């Protein structure tokens, strides 16, 4: 016998610990249009499209901000998949020797900001001037 069994036990334990699995958790946020600034729980998280790692499940506060578009506040709930619920999580987090990925995808459409009061007044004034000039509506124009 080359080595006594007692010397192999720490090596075997170190090998087992180094082979344990892990779970990566990601939130992928996309916006239409792209380029919105993302805040998750009040902290800056990047510009869309963005992938954000997270460690715990539950409710999170999401805020997207883009100039020219309405800011969007949304409460999202990150639910654990079945393999992250006790007792399965003991296997996936500790014993399984391959990494698993839990990815939540969010696609958000941002609404354009309505015209400001000054812009609306200018549009209204142009429409009234056009009406005063006596131009016929488009549907009454000869073809």
Protein backbone atom coordinates (compact mmCIF):
# COMPACT_ATOMS: atom_id res chain seq x y z
CA UNK A 1 0.00 0.00 0.00
CA UNK A 2 1.46 3.35 -1.05
CA UNK A 3 -0.41 5.64 1.34
CA UNK A 4 -2.52 4.79 4.35
CA UNK A 5 -6.25 5.47 3.99
CA UNK A 6 -6.08 8.28 6.56
CA UNK A 7 -3.93 10.33 4.18
CA UNK A 8 -6.42 9.92 1.30
CA UNK A 9 -9.44 11.13 3.30
CA UNK A 10 -8.51 14.87 3.33
CA UNK A 11 -7.59 14.71 -0.36
CA UNK A 12 -10.89 12.99 -1.21
CA UNK A 13 -12.86 15.55 0.80
CA UNK A 14 -11.05 18.46 -0.87
CA UNK A 15 -11.78 16.92 -4.27
CA UNK A 16 -15.48 16.52 -3.43
CA UNK A 17 -15.77 20.09 -2.17
CA UNK A 18 -14.12 21.47 -5.29
CA UNK A 19 -16.60 19.57 -7.48
CA UNK A 20 -19.73 20.96 -5.84
CA UNK A 21 -22.32 22.64 -8.02
CA UNK A 22 -23.55 26.15 -7.99
CA UNK A 23 -26.52 28.11 -9.26
CA UNK A 24 -26.16 31.32 -11.24
CA UNK A 25 -29.15 33.67 -11.05
CA UNK A 26 -29.62 36.38 -13.70
CA UNK A 27 -32.22 38.99 -14.63
CA UNK A 28 -32.05 39.92 -18.32
CA UNK A 29 -33.74 43.26 -18.96
CA UNK A 30 -34.44 44.54 -22.48
CA UNK A 31 -36.35 47.70 -23.36
CA UNK A 32 -38.08 48.99 -26.46
CA UNK A 33 -36.34 51.28 -27.32
CA UNK A 34 -32.96 50.16 -26.00
CA UNK A 35 -30.72 52.47 -24.00
CA UNK A 36 -32.84 52.98 -20.88
CA UNK A 37 -31.05 53.35 -17.57
CA UNK A 38 -31.96 50.52 -15.17
CA UNK A 39 -32.21 50.79 -11.39
CA UNK A 40 -32.81 47.64 -9.33
CA UNK A 41 -33.84 48.24 -5.72
CA UNK A 42 -32.74 51.87 -6.07
CA UNK A 43 -29.20 50.99 -7.22
CA UNK A 44 -27.92 51.68 -10.76
CA UNK A 45 -27.71 48.38 -12.66
CA UNK A 46 -26.74 49.40 -16.20
CA UNK A 47 -28.19 50.41 -19.56
CA UNK A 48 -30.56 48.15 -21.50
CA UNK A 49 -30.00 45.55 -22.71
CA UNK A 50 -28.44 44.41 -19.41
CA UNK A 51 -27.89 41.15 -17.52
CA UNK A 52 -27.88 41.53 -13.73
CA UNK A 53 -26.73 38.79 -11.34
CA UNK A 54 -28.67 38.35 -8.12
CA UNK A 55 -28.43 36.13 -5.04
CA UNK A 56 -31.94 35.88 -3.57
CA UNK A 57 -35.49 35.35 -4.75
CA UNK A 58 -38.44 37.57 -3.85
CA UNK A 59 -39.79 41.02 -4.70
CA UNK A 60 -37.58 43.65 -6.32
CA UNK A 61 -38.19 47.27 -7.32
CA UNK A 62 -37.37 48.01 -10.97
CA UNK A 63 -37.08 51.50 -12.49
CA UNK A 64 -36.29 52.28 -16.16
CA UNK A 65 -35.48 55.87 -17.20
CA UNK A 66 -34.88 57.19 -20.74
CA UNK A 67 -35.05 60.83 -21.86
CA UNK A 68 -38.10 61.47 -24.06
CA UNK A 69 -39.95 58.47 -22.58
CA UNK A 70 -42.06 57.97 -19.49
CA UNK A 71 -40.16 56.44 -16.59
CA UNK A 72 -41.40 52.98 -15.71
CA UNK A 73 -41.63 51.73 -12.13
CA UNK A 74 -42.45 48.07 -11.73
CA UNK A 75 -42.42 45.59 -8.84
CA UNK A 76 -41.11 42.22 -10.05
CA UNK A 77 -41.28 38.93 -8.17
CA UNK A 78 -38.41 36.52 -8.73
CA UNK A 79 -39.74 33.05 -7.98
CA UNK A 80 -37.52 30.06 -7.33
CA UNK A 81 -37.68 27.19 -9.85
CA UNK A 82 -38.61 23.75 -8.51
CA UNK A 83 -34.95 22.70 -8.29
CA UNK A 84 -34.23 25.59 -5.89
CA UNK A 85 -36.85 24.54 -3.33
CA UNK A 86 -35.94 22.42 -0.29
CA UNK A 87 -34.81 19.57 -0.36
CA UNK A 88 -33.86 19.71 -4.07
CA UNK A 89 -31.71 22.81 -3.50
CA UNK A 90 -29.34 20.76 -1.35
CA UNK A 91 -28.56 18.66 -4.39
CA UNK A 92 -28.30 21.51 -6.92
CA UNK A 93 -26.36 23.88 -4.65
CA UNK A 94 -24.03 21.42 -2.94
CA UNK A 95 -23.80 18.01 -4.57
CA UNK A 96 -24.43 18.44 -8.29
CA UNK A 97 -21.02 18.94 -9.97
CA UNK A 98 -22.34 21.17 -12.79
CA UNK A 99 -23.41 24.82 -12.63
CA UNK A 100 -27.09 25.58 -13.22
CA UNK A 101 -28.47 28.89 -14.49
CA UNK A 102 -31.76 30.46 -13.49
CA UNK A 103 -32.47 33.32 -15.93
CA UNK A 104 -35.48 35.65 -15.74
CA UNK A 105 -36.12 37.59 -18.96
CA UNK A 106 -37.98 40.91 -18.92
CA UNK A 107 -38.89 42.88 -22.05
CA UNK A 108 -40.33 46.32 -21.33
CA UNK A 109 -41.91 48.75 -23.80
CA UNK A 110 -41.43 52.40 -22.83
CA UNK A 111 -44.14 54.89 -23.78
CA UNK A 112 -43.10 58.19 -25.38
CA UNK A 113 -43.50 61.21 -23.17
CA UNK A 114 -46.53 63.33 -24.18
CA UNK A 115 -45.83 66.76 -25.65
CA UNK A 116 -45.23 69.44 -23.06
CA UNK A 117 -47.70 72.30 -22.66
CA UNK A 118 -45.66 74.71 -24.83
CA UNK A 119 -45.34 72.19 -27.65
CA UNK A 120 -49.05 71.43 -27.52
CA UNK A 121 -49.89 75.13 -27.71
CA UNK A 122 -47.65 75.59 -30.77
CA UNK A 123 -49.31 72.63 -32.50
CA UNK A 124 -52.74 74.01 -31.66
CA UNK A 125 -51.77 77.46 -32.99
CA UNK A 126 -50.48 75.98 -36.25
CA UNK A 127 -53.71 73.99 -36.65
CA UNK A 128 -55.82 77.11 -36.10
CA UNK A 129 -53.71 79.09 -38.61
CA UNK A 130 -54.12 76.31 -41.14
CA UNK A 131 -57.88 76.33 -40.54
CA UNK A 132 -58.05 80.13 -40.96
CA UNK A 133 -56.29 79.89 -44.32
CA UNK A 134 -59.27 77.90 -45.49
CA UNK A 135 -57.49 74.78 -46.62
CA UNK A 136 -59.91 71.98 -47.28
CA UNK A 137 -59.61 68.80 -45.21
CA UNK A 138 -57.69 66.01 -46.93
CA UNK A 139 -60.75 63.82 -47.53
CA UNK A 140 -62.44 66.67 -49.51
CA UNK A 141 -59.42 67.19 -51.80
CA UNK A 142 -60.05 66.27 -55.48
CA UNK A 143 -58.20 63.20 -56.67
